């Protein structure tokens, strides 16, 4: 029924005929509102995405066990799953509101306004965006959402039993389909624009970083085993694991980027990207791993990095006596914290600007990030770095510490079986192969055990650096039947990784990677 007809007439119409259409109108109106918020966010750089803002807020509020479950279950797809779940929930709520409101514009408008206020508030809290900017996106969403509801509701009498009602209902459904299609295109275009942020994309494309004075040679062939299916020595950038709190990858324009060094220093520094890369650069190979990596998991990767040693930056600023913790801050407000000593004890600790021969990908921290060998990423690997602060150990707790994770995060010695994987394999000579890592220490031995037989030494590829993983292989004459295969590694200190299984929280998983295979 058109909105200009009487409320009394609306109330006497058969509810079983009008409720499904009101639900459709509610769903489509919410979809249009969400699309509008994404489109204006893409078109106007100062306006944040409400969808991503709410998602960031959800991530911040979620209990640590829920976050761990999401990473374990969905891996690097946890953020898309969250966004998809949020959109489905919003659309379902829209259907419920449409069915409940049934043309009562006071109720509908109030619901959309509450949605806008809540979305803007969550965006401000979740992503530290200015309230005024978030409010603009919310206003656009409310106007489009209410307008869509008015438009579709006014297309005809959707509730009465007269012959014309069927035509009107088809008109409403056709209009809803058209609006939904336009919303999908508008929202997709907005998301595309948000993903590009032209100036940042161009600044990365045009970037040329000077080669460091001592460029590393190509790895010796002896550092790479010729075994099909083994993880490569260097993981390509587009395959390198990514776990972070950012729903939307920050797009930072190099021309506007600044790195500040603050806190307990002799003098605070602020440098541009050109200032940074004018300092001495080094090239180094380092394996990074996530504290959420399960035994045998894929949240680990090795890459060749170019960057400025942290010691160069700290020496220029002058570290005060009593400074115990180095805090890294990202443009999206994420923080890490690790002992200052880790930047000064001789390990590789750099502000990286290149990854595997190219400027850092946006997903991995462009234009600059921290890379510290031997520490899990949650305490050291700030992507989209914008500030380094020197403080006391008790003076600050970084992002993950109040959420139940250990304040110190040294990487545990680990090994992984890449091939064979769980499942069936053919009898005969077959390789058991994988990688092992203990960054900042190095791997000296890898052993393999099949069933209850004695442990045997695997063949190790040469080490490219103590900071990088090493490939290993054991040639196994596989007999028919079901078999259990285990692996363990020993680091350069002579310490063999423990068999004891521990969960990832609070400071990383431990245990021997074990698989079962059926040989036929």
Protein backbone atom coordinates (compact mmCIF):
# COMPACT_ATOMS: atom_id res chain seq x y z
CA UNK A 1 0.00 0.00 0.00
CA UNK A 2 1.41 3.43 -0.86
CA UNK A 3 2.67 5.32 2.15
CA UNK A 4 0.26 8.17 1.60
CA UNK A 5 -2.73 5.89 2.30
CA UNK A 6 -4.17 5.79 5.78
CA UNK A 7 -2.55 3.84 8.59
CA UNK A 8 -5.93 2.31 9.36
CA UNK A 9 -6.16 0.84 5.90
CA UNK A 10 -2.66 -0.56 6.34
CA UNK A 11 -3.56 -2.26 9.59
CA UNK A 12 -6.65 -4.00 8.12
CA UNK A 13 -4.78 -5.52 5.16
CA UNK A 14 -4.10 -9.29 5.27
CA UNK A 15 -0.72 -9.65 7.05
CA UNK A 16 0.09 -13.01 5.48
CA UNK A 17 0.17 -11.35 2.06
CA UNK A 18 2.16 -8.24 2.88
CA UNK A 19 4.83 -9.45 5.32
CA UNK A 20 7.12 -11.18 2.74
CA UNK A 21 7.12 -8.09 0.54
CA UNK A 22 7.84 -5.80 3.46
CA UNK A 23 10.76 -8.09 4.32
CA UNK A 24 12.06 -7.78 0.76
CA UNK A 25 11.75 -4.00 0.94
CA UNK A 26 13.63 -3.98 4.26
CA UNK A 27 16.45 -6.15 2.93
CA UNK A 28 16.89 -4.10 -0.22
CA UNK A 29 16.77 -0.81 1.71
CA UNK A 30 19.60 -1.95 4.00
CA UNK A 31 21.59 -3.20 1.00
CA UNK A 32 21.19 0.21 -0.65
CA UNK A 33 22.27 1.97 2.54
CA UNK A 34 25.41 -0.16 2.84
CA UNK A 35 26.24 0.35 -0.83
CA UNK A 36 25.84 4.09 -0.47
CA UNK A 37 28.20 4.18 2.50
CA UNK A 38 30.83 2.25 0.56
CA UNK A 39 30.43 4.41 -2.54
CA UNK A 40 30.83 7.73 -0.75
CA UNK A 41 33.79 6.31 1.17
CA UNK A 42 35.41 5.34 -2.12
CA UNK A 43 34.67 8.67 -3.78
CA UNK A 44 35.67 10.92 -0.85
CA UNK A 45 38.98 10.01 0.76
CA UNK A 46 38.10 11.69 4.05
CA UNK A 47 35.04 9.48 4.60
CA UNK A 48 35.77 6.03 6.10
CA UNK A 49 34.01 2.80 5.22
CA UNK A 50 31.32 2.08 7.80
CA UNK A 51 31.45 -1.62 6.98
CA UNK A 52 35.16 -1.80 7.72
CA UNK A 53 34.83 0.49 10.72
CA UNK A 54 32.24 -1.79 12.29
CA UNK A 55 34.41 -4.78 11.43
CA UNK A 56 37.42 -3.24 13.16
CA UNK A 57 35.26 -2.59 16.21
CA UNK A 58 34.06 -6.20 16.21
CA UNK A 59 37.66 -7.43 16.04
CA UNK A 60 38.68 -5.20 18.94
CA UNK A 61 35.77 -6.37 21.09
CA UNK A 62 35.94 -10.08 20.27
CA UNK A 63 37.34 -12.28 23.08
CA UNK A 64 40.77 -13.77 22.41
CA UNK A 65 39.45 -17.38 22.19
CA UNK A 66 37.05 -16.27 19.45
CA UNK A 67 39.88 -14.62 17.51
CA UNK A 68 42.03 -17.73 17.87
CA UNK A 69 39.16 -19.91 16.66
CA UNK A 70 38.64 -17.67 13.62
CA UNK A 71 42.33 -17.79 12.65
CA UNK A 72 42.53 -21.56 13.20
CA UNK A 73 39.31 -22.20 11.25
CA UNK A 74 39.57 -19.73 8.39
CA UNK A 75 43.28 -18.82 8.32
CA UNK A 76 43.95 -15.80 6.10
CA UNK A 77 40.28 -15.81 5.04
CA UNK A 78 39.11 -14.77 8.51
CA UNK A 79 38.59 -11.12 7.53
CA UNK A 80 36.48 -11.84 4.39
CA UNK A 81 34.41 -14.32 6.42
CA UNK A 82 33.81 -11.65 9.07
CA UNK A 83 32.75 -9.07 6.49
CA UNK A 84 30.46 -11.58 4.77
CA UNK A 85 28.88 -12.56 8.08
CA UNK A 86 28.31 -8.91 8.97
CA UNK A 87 26.63 -8.19 5.64
CA UNK A 88 24.37 -11.24 5.90
CA UNK A 89 23.42 -10.26 9.45
CA UNK A 90 22.66 -6.69 8.40
CA UNK A 91 20.44 -7.88 5.56
CA UNK A 92 18.57 -10.30 7.82
CA UNK A 93 18.00 -7.52 10.32
CA UNK A 94 16.77 -5.36 7.47
CA UNK A 95 14.21 -8.02 6.59
CA UNK A 96 13.04 -8.18 10.20
CA UNK A 97 12.73 -4.39 10.39
CA UNK A 98 10.82 -4.31 7.12
CA UNK A 99 8.37 -6.93 8.34
CA UNK A 100 7.93 -5.20 11.68
CA UNK A 101 7.68 -1.65 10.33
CA UNK A 102 5.33 -2.40 7.39
CA UNK A 103 5.26 1.16 6.14
CA UNK A 104 5.30 2.97 9.47
CA UNK A 105 7.82 5.61 8.45
CA UNK A 106 8.40 6.90 11.95
CA UNK A 107 9.65 3.48 13.03
CA UNK A 108 11.63 2.90 9.84
CA UNK A 109 13.34 6.27 9.97
CA UNK A 110 14.19 5.82 13.65
CA UNK A 111 15.72 2.40 12.97
CA UNK A 112 17.89 3.71 10.13
CA UNK A 113 19.01 6.69 12.20
CA UNK A 114 19.95 4.35 15.05
CA UNK A 115 21.83 2.21 12.54
CA UNK A 116 23.69 5.28 11.28
CA UNK A 117 24.59 6.49 14.75
CA UNK A 118 25.75 3.03 15.81
CA UNK A 119 27.78 2.49 12.64
CA UNK A 120 29.48 5.89 12.91
CA UNK A 121 30.23 5.36 16.61
CA UNK A 122 31.69 1.89 16.02
CA UNK A 123 33.79 3.25 13.16
CA UNK A 124 35.21 6.02 15.35
CA UNK A 125 36.04 3.56 18.14
CA UNK A 126 37.21 0.73 15.89
CA UNK A 127 39.38 2.68 13.48
CA UNK A 128 40.07 6.01 15.21
CA UNK A 129 38.44 7.94 12.36
CA UNK A 130 37.15 11.48 13.09
CA UNK A 131 33.51 11.53 14.13
CA UNK A 132 32.66 14.18 11.54
CA UNK A 133 33.99 12.01 8.70
CA UNK A 134 32.21 8.87 9.91
CA UNK A 135 29.00 10.89 10.38
CA UNK A 136 29.03 11.94 6.71
CA UNK A 137 29.09 8.31 5.62
CA UNK A 138 26.32 7.50 8.09
CA UNK A 139 24.13 10.36 6.84
CA UNK A 140 24.50 9.11 3.26
CA UNK A 141 23.54 5.60 4.35
CA UNK A 142 20.46 6.79 6.28
CA UNK A 143 19.21 9.01 3.45
CA UNK A 144 19.59 6.29 0.82
CA UNK A 145 18.16 3.58 3.09
CA UNK A 146 15.04 5.55 4.03
CA UNK A 147 14.66 6.84 0.46
CA UNK A 148 14.78 3.31 -0.91
CA UNK A 149 12.16 2.20 1.58
CA UNK A 150 9.89 5.09 0.55
CA UNK A 151 10.44 4.39 -3.14
CA UNK A 152 9.68 0.69 -3.02
CA UNK A 153 6.77 1.06 -0.61
CA UNK A 154 5.19 3.64 -2.88
CA UNK A 155 5.23 1.52 -6.02
CA UNK A 156 1.78 0.12 -5.36
CA UNK A 157 -0.72 -1.55 -3.06
CA UNK A 158 1.19 -4.64 -1.94
CA UNK A 159 -1.32 -5.94 0.58
CA UNK A 160 -4.87 -5.92 -0.72
CA UNK A 161 -6.75 -8.77 -2.44
CA UNK A 162 -7.98 -6.85 -5.46
CA UNK A 163 -6.81 -7.98 -8.94
CA UNK A 164 -4.52 -4.98 -9.32
CA UNK A 165 -2.52 -6.04 -6.24
CA UNK A 166 -0.71 -8.82 -8.10
CA UNK A 167 0.53 -6.34 -10.66
CA UNK A 168 1.62 -3.97 -7.94
CA UNK A 169 3.46 -6.73 -6.11
CA UNK A 170 5.32 -7.61 -9.29
CA UNK A 171 6.17 -3.94 -9.66
CA UNK A 172 7.60 -3.86 -6.14
CA UNK A 173 9.68 -6.99 -6.75
CA UNK A 174 10.94 -5.64 -10.06
CA UNK A 175 11.88 -2.37 -8.39
CA UNK A 176 13.59 -4.24 -5.55
CA UNK A 177 15.60 -6.27 -8.05
CA UNK A 178 16.66 -3.14 -9.91
CA UNK A 179 17.70 -1.36 -6.71
CA UNK A 180 19.58 -4.44 -5.55
CA UNK A 181 21.48 -4.59 -8.84
CA UNK A 182 22.39 -0.91 -8.69
CA UNK A 183 23.42 -1.32 -5.05
CA UNK A 184 25.72 -4.21 -5.93
CA UNK A 185 27.39 -2.15 -8.66
CA UNK A 186 27.68 0.95 -6.48
CA UNK A 187 29.02 -0.94 -3.48
CA UNK A 188 31.47 -2.88 -5.63
CA UNK A 189 32.71 0.29 -7.29
CA UNK A 190 33.13 1.95 -3.89
CA UNK A 191 35.08 -1.05 -2.63
CA UNK A 192 37.26 -0.91 -5.76
CA UNK A 193 38.01 2.77 -5.17
CA UNK A 194 38.76 2.13 -1.50
CA UNK A 195 41.19 -0.58 -2.55
CA UNK A 196 43.08 1.65 -4.93
CA UNK A 197 43.33 5.09 -3.34
CA UNK A 198 45.03 6.45 -6.47
CA UNK A 199 47.81 8.58 -5.01
CA UNK A 200 49.08 5.74 -2.84
CA UNK A 201 48.98 3.27 -5.71
CA UNK A 202 50.86 5.64 -8.00
CA UNK A 203 53.44 6.41 -5.33
CA UNK A 204 54.26 2.72 -4.96
CA UNK A 205 54.36 2.18 -8.73
CA UNK A 206 56.75 5.10 -9.22
CA UNK A 207 58.94 4.25 -6.25
CA UNK A 208 62.57 3.46 -6.88
CA UNK A 209 64.61 2.44 -3.86
CA UNK A 210 68.37 2.67 -4.19
CA UNK A 211 70.11 -0.68 -4.05
CA UNK A 212 72.03 -1.25 -0.83
CA UNK A 213 75.80 -0.97 -1.15
CA UNK A 214 76.27 -4.68 -0.40
CA UNK A 215 73.65 -6.53 -2.44
CA UNK A 216 73.27 -10.18 -1.53
CA UNK A 217 74.15 -12.64 -4.28
CA UNK A 218 71.60 -15.03 -5.67
CA UNK A 219 71.19 -18.00 -3.31
CA UNK A 220 73.52 -20.91 -3.97
CA UNK A 221 71.68 -23.86 -5.59
CA UNK A 222 72.71 -25.94 -2.58
CA UNK A 223 70.29 -23.90 -0.44
CA UNK A 224 67.32 -25.22 -2.44
CA UNK A 225 66.33 -28.87 -2.69
CA UNK A 226 64.98 -30.18 -5.97
CA UNK A 227 61.89 -31.78 -4.43
CA UNK A 228 58.47 -31.27 -5.98
CA UNK A 229 55.94 -29.90 -3.54
CA UNK A 230 58.39 -28.50 -0.99
CA UNK A 231 57.91 -24.88 0.09
CA UNK A 232 60.31 -22.63 -1.86
CA UNK A 233 63.22 -20.94 -0.13
CA UNK A 234 61.58 -17.56 -0.72
CA UNK A 235 57.79 -17.37 -0.62
CA UNK A 236 56.41 -15.13 -3.40
CA UNK A 237 54.87 -11.91 -2.13
CA UNK A 238 51.36 -12.78 -3.29
CA UNK A 239 51.55 -16.11 -1.43
CA UNK A 240 53.18 -14.82 1.75
CA UNK A 241 50.95 -15.28 4.78
CA UNK A 242 49.10 -12.26 6.09
CA UNK A 243 47.55 -12.02 9.54
CA UNK A 244 46.78 -8.59 10.94
CA UNK A 245 43.98 -6.62 12.53
CA UNK A 246 43.30 -4.46 9.46
CA UNK A 247 40.08 -5.25 7.58
CA UNK A 248 41.02 -2.71 4.94
CA UNK A 249 44.62 -2.56 3.78
CA UNK A 250 45.92 0.96 4.48
CA UNK A 251 46.92 2.83 1.34
CA UNK A 252 49.64 5.27 2.30
CA UNK A 253 50.95 7.92 -0.08
CA UNK A 254 54.75 8.02 0.15
CA UNK A 255 54.73 11.79 -0.34
CA UNK A 256 52.65 12.24 2.82
CA UNK A 257 54.18 9.44 4.92
CA UNK A 258 56.34 10.31 7.91
CA UNK A 259 58.19 8.19 10.45
CA UNK A 260 58.44 9.72 13.91
CA UNK A 261 60.84 8.59 16.64
CA UNK A 262 59.56 9.69 20.03
CA UNK A 263 59.63 8.98 23.75
CA UNK A 264 62.81 8.36 25.72
CA UNK A 265 65.24 9.69 23.11
CA UNK A 266 67.81 12.45 23.12
CA UNK A 267 65.95 14.23 20.33
CA UNK A 268 62.74 13.34 18.58
CA UNK A 269 62.96 12.68 14.86
CA UNK A 270 60.55 12.99 11.96
CA UNK A 271 61.67 11.71 8.60
CA UNK A 272 60.15 11.39 5.16
CA UNK A 273 60.51 8.30 3.02
CA UNK A 274 63.36 9.97 1.11
CA UNK A 275 65.07 10.72 4.42
CA UNK A 276 64.71 7.08 5.43
CA UNK A 277 66.14 5.51 2.29
CA UNK A 278 68.99 8.02 2.27
CA UNK A 279 70.29 6.20 5.35
CA UNK A 280 72.48 3.07 4.99
CA UNK A 281 70.43 0.19 3.59
CA UNK A 282 71.00 -3.53 4.07
CA UNK A 283 69.63 -6.58 2.32
CA UNK A 284 68.84 -9.62 4.44
CA UNK A 285 66.91 -12.91 4.42
CA UNK A 286 64.52 -13.41 7.34
CA UNK A 287 61.78 -15.91 8.15
CA UNK A 288 58.71 -14.39 9.79
CA UNK A 289 56.04 -16.38 11.61
CA UNK A 290 52.77 -15.66 13.34
CA UNK A 291 52.23 -16.60 16.97
CA UNK A 292 48.86 -18.07 15.86
CA UNK A 293 50.60 -20.62 13.65
CA UNK A 294 49.60 -24.13 14.68
CA UNK A 295 52.20 -26.90 14.62
CA UNK A 296 52.60 -27.70 10.93
CA UNK A 297 50.65 -24.59 9.93
CA UNK A 298 51.19 -22.18 7.05
CA UNK A 299 51.41 -18.85 8.89
CA UNK A 300 55.15 -18.61 8.28
CA UNK A 301 57.25 -17.45 5.34
CA UNK A 302 60.76 -16.53 4.28
CA UNK A 303 61.60 -13.45 2.22
CA UNK A 304 64.51 -11.24 1.17
CA UNK A 305 64.14 -7.79 2.72
CA UNK A 306 65.82 -4.41 2.13
CA UNK A 307 65.72 -1.80 4.88
CA UNK A 308 67.44 0.51 7.33
CA UNK A 309 68.92 -1.11 10.45
CA UNK A 310 67.06 -0.03 13.56
CA UNK A 311 70.38 0.75 15.20
CA UNK A 312 70.99 3.50 12.63
CA UNK A 313 67.70 5.17 13.53
CA UNK A 314 68.09 4.72 17.27
CA UNK A 315 71.63 6.05 17.24
CA UNK A 316 70.49 9.13 15.36
CA UNK A 317 67.74 9.79 17.92
CA UNK A 318 69.87 8.82 20.94
CA UNK A 319 68.27 6.31 23.31
CA UNK A 320 68.02 7.54 26.90
CA UNK A 321 69.11 5.46 29.88
CA UNK A 322 66.16 3.51 31.23
CA UNK A 323 64.48 2.97 27.84
CA UNK A 324 63.61 -0.71 27.80
CA UNK A 325 60.87 -1.13 25.22
CA UNK A 326 60.59 -0.21 21.56
CA UNK A 327 56.97 0.39 20.54
CA UNK A 328 56.02 0.35 16.88
CA UNK A 329 52.83 2.13 15.79
CA UNK A 330 50.97 1.62 12.55
CA UNK A 331 48.88 4.14 10.62
CA UNK A 332 45.82 2.09 11.63
CA UNK A 333 46.71 2.41 15.36
CA UNK A 334 48.01 -1.16 15.75
CA UNK A 335 50.97 -1.42 18.15
CA UNK A 336 53.77 -3.86 18.95
CA UNK A 337 56.37 -3.79 21.69
CA UNK A 338 59.67 -5.60 22.18
CA UNK A 339 62.84 -5.11 24.25
CA UNK A 340 65.18 -2.38 23.01
CA UNK A 341 67.94 -4.93 23.45
CA UNK A 342 66.49 -6.92 20.52
CA UNK A 343 67.39 -4.02 18.25
CA UNK A 344 70.93 -3.87 19.62
CA UNK A 345 72.03 -7.47 20.24
CA UNK A 346 73.31 -8.08 16.72
CA UNK A 347 70.21 -9.75 15.29
CA UNK A 348 68.61 -8.50 12.09
CA UNK A 349 66.22 -5.69 13.04
CA UNK A 350 65.30 -3.28 10.26
CA UNK A 351 62.72 -0.83 8.99
CA UNK A 352 62.05 -2.67 5.73
CA UNK A 353 61.09 -0.95 2.48
CA UNK A 354 61.47 -3.82 -0.01
CA UNK A 355 60.31 -7.43 -0.07
CA UNK A 356 61.65 -9.99 -2.54
CA UNK A 357 63.04 -7.38 -4.91
CA UNK A 358 60.15 -4.92 -5.05
CA UNK A 359 58.66 -2.16 -2.89
CA UNK A 360 56.65 -3.61 -0.04
CA UNK A 361 53.19 -4.72 -1.21
CA UNK A 362 50.36 -2.74 0.35
CA UNK A 363 49.24 -5.91 2.13
CA UNK A 364 52.65 -6.29 3.74
CA UNK A 365 53.16 -2.79 5.03
CA UNK A 366 53.97 -0.30 2.25
CA UNK A 367 55.78 2.00 2.50
CA UNK A 368 57.70 0.73 5.58
CA UNK A 369 57.45 -1.97 8.24
CA UNK A 370 59.45 -3.53 11.03
CA UNK A 371 61.23 -6.86 10.50
CA UNK A 372 62.93 -8.36 13.57
CA UNK A 373 64.47 -11.82 13.37
CA UNK A 374 63.53 -14.28 16.10
CA UNK A 375 60.40 -12.53 17.38
CA UNK A 376 56.82 -13.39 16.51
CA UNK A 377 55.05 -10.79 14.43
CA UNK A 378 52.59 -9.80 17.14
CA UNK A 379 55.40 -8.23 19.21
CA UNK A 380 57.61 -6.93 16.41
CA UNK A 381 56.30 -6.81 12.84
CA UNK A 382 54.51 -3.46 12.61
CA UNK A 383 53.23 -2.97 9.08
CA UNK A 384 52.45 0.53 7.73
CA UNK A 385 54.87 1.85 10.35
CA UNK A 386 54.46 5.50 11.30
CA UNK A 387 56.04 5.85 14.77
CA UNK A 388 58.75 4.30 16.90
CA UNK A 389 58.48 5.16 20.58
CA UNK A 390 61.04 4.37 23.27
CA UNK A 391 59.58 3.73 26.71
CA UNK A 392 59.97 1.54 29.80
CA UNK A 393 58.95 -2.09 29.86
CA UNK A 394 56.06 -1.42 32.21
CA UNK A 395 55.18 1.88 30.58
CA UNK A 396 53.15 0.42 27.72
CA UNK A 397 51.34 -2.78 26.75
CA UNK A 398 51.03 -3.29 22.99
CA UNK A 399 47.83 -4.31 21.19
CA UNK A 400 47.81 -8.05 21.94
CA UNK A 401 49.11 -8.00 25.52
CA UNK A 402 45.87 -6.86 27.23
CA UNK A 403 44.12 -9.48 25.11
CA UNK A 404 45.89 -12.32 26.88
CA UNK A 405 49.10 -12.83 24.89
CA UNK A 406 52.58 -12.89 26.38
CA UNK A 407 54.50 -9.63 26.38
CA UNK A 408 57.63 -11.32 25.05
CA UNK A 409 57.36 -13.43 21.92
CA UNK A 410 60.56 -15.28 20.93
CA UNK A 411 59.97 -17.64 18.03
CA UNK A 412 60.06 -21.30 19.01
CA UNK A 413 62.12 -23.75 16.98
CA UNK A 414 59.75 -25.47 14.56
CA UNK A 415 59.68 -27.91 11.67
CA UNK A 416 56.96 -28.81 9.19
CA UNK A 417 56.20 -31.66 6.80
CA UNK A 418 55.18 -30.30 3.39
CA UNK A 419 55.05 -33.64 1.57
CA UNK A 420 53.48 -36.08 1.69
CA UNK A 421 50.28 -34.56 3.03
CA UNK A 422 47.58 -36.43 4.92
CA UNK A 423 45.95 -38.96 2.58
CA UNK A 424 46.94 -41.77 0.23
CA UNK A 425 50.25 -42.23 -1.58
CA UNK A 426 51.70 -44.95 -3.75
CA UNK A 427 54.12 -47.54 -2.41
CA UNK A 428 57.80 -47.18 -3.26
CA UNK A 429 60.51 -44.60 -2.84
CA UNK A 430 58.92 -41.27 -1.87
CA UNK A 431 60.32 -38.07 -0.36
CA UNK A 432 59.32 -36.82 3.05
CA UNK A 433 60.25 -33.14 2.92
CA UNK A 434 59.57 -29.73 4.41
CA UNK A 435 61.11 -26.75 6.16
CA UNK A 436 62.48 -26.00 9.63
CA UNK A 437 63.20 -22.63 11.24
CA UNK A 438 64.71 -20.98 14.29
CA UNK A 439 65.28 -17.33 13.25
CA UNK A 440 68.25 -15.59 14.86
CA UNK A 441 69.63 -18.99 15.91
CA UNK A 442 69.65 -21.29 12.90
CA UNK A 443 68.82 -24.95 12.25
CA UNK A 444 71.55 -27.60 12.42
CA UNK A 445 69.62 -30.86 12.33
CA UNK A 446 66.25 -32.30 11.27
CA UNK A 447 65.12 -35.84 12.12
CA UNK A 448 62.26 -37.92 10.79
CA UNK A 449 60.50 -40.87 12.42
CA UNK A 450 58.17 -43.29 10.65
CA UNK A 451 55.88 -45.24 12.98
CA UNK A 452 57.90 -46.42 16.00
CA UNK A 453 61.19 -46.83 14.17
CA UNK A 454 64.33 -44.98 15.30
CA UNK A 455 64.72 -41.33 14.34
CA UNK A 456 66.83 -40.79 11.22
CA UNK A 457 68.64 -37.65 10.06
CA UNK A 458 67.11 -35.87 7.09
CA UNK A 459 69.21 -34.29 4.36
CA UNK A 460 69.46 -30.55 4.96
CA UNK A 461 69.80 -27.91 2.26
CA UNK A 462 72.61 -25.44 2.92
CA UNK A 463 71.70 -22.51 5.12
CA UNK A 464 71.15 -19.18 3.38
CA UNK A 465 71.28 -17.45 6.78
CA UNK A 466 70.66 -18.25 10.44
CA UNK A 467 67.56 -16.06 10.16
CA UNK A 468 66.01 -18.17 7.40
CA UNK A 469 64.37 -21.54 7.34
CA UNK A 470 66.12 -24.57 5.84
CA UNK A 471 64.62 -27.12 3.53
CA UNK A 472 65.03 -30.79 4.40
CA UNK A 473 64.22 -34.16 2.83
CA UNK A 474 64.24 -37.86 3.81
CA UNK A 475 63.94 -40.52 1.08
CA UNK A 476 61.51 -43.16 2.34
CA UNK A 477 60.77 -46.57 0.86
CA UNK A 478 57.04 -46.59 1.62
CA UNK A 479 55.48 -50.01 2.25
CA UNK A 480 51.70 -50.61 1.93
CA UNK A 481 49.65 -49.83 5.01
CA UNK A 482 48.90 -46.90 7.29
CA UNK A 483 51.89 -45.02 8.65
CA UNK A 484 52.56 -42.16 11.07
CA UNK A 485 55.33 -39.69 10.19
CA UNK A 486 56.85 -37.20 12.63
CA UNK A 487 59.56 -34.54 12.35
CA UNK A 488 61.66 -32.59 14.84
CA UNK A 489 64.40 -30.00 14.48
CA UNK A 490 67.47 -29.01 16.49
CA UNK A 491 68.73 -25.43 16.53
CA UNK A 492 72.27 -24.09 16.66
CA UNK A 493 72.25 -24.02 20.46
CA UNK A 494 71.80 -27.81 20.48
CA UNK A 495 68.19 -27.56 21.66
CA UNK A 496 65.76 -29.99 20.05
CA UNK A 497 62.15 -28.86 19.79
CA UNK A 498 59.93 -30.37 22.43
CA UNK A 499 57.36 -33.07 21.83
CA UNK A 500 54.98 -31.42 24.31
CA UNK A 501 51.95 -30.00 22.56
CA UNK A 502 50.91 -26.52 23.64
CA UNK A 503 48.29 -24.21 22.13
CA UNK A 504 49.20 -21.03 20.29
CA UNK A 505 48.17 -18.82 23.22
CA UNK A 506 49.84 -17.18 24.99
CA UNK A 507 53.27 -17.40 23.32
CA UNK A 508 53.16 -19.82 20.38
CA UNK A 509 52.47 -23.49 19.77
CA UNK A 510 54.97 -26.28 20.35
CA UNK A 511 55.14 -29.97 19.46
CA UNK A 512 56.26 -32.28 16.68
CA UNK A 513 54.41 -32.06 13.39
CA UNK A 514 52.80 -35.45 12.81
CA UNK A 515 50.85 -36.78 9.83
CA UNK A 516 49.23 -40.08 8.89
CA UNK A 517 49.37 -41.51 5.37
CA UNK A 518 47.82 -44.56 3.70
CA UNK A 519 50.25 -46.30 1.35
CA UNK A 520 48.78 -48.54 -1.34
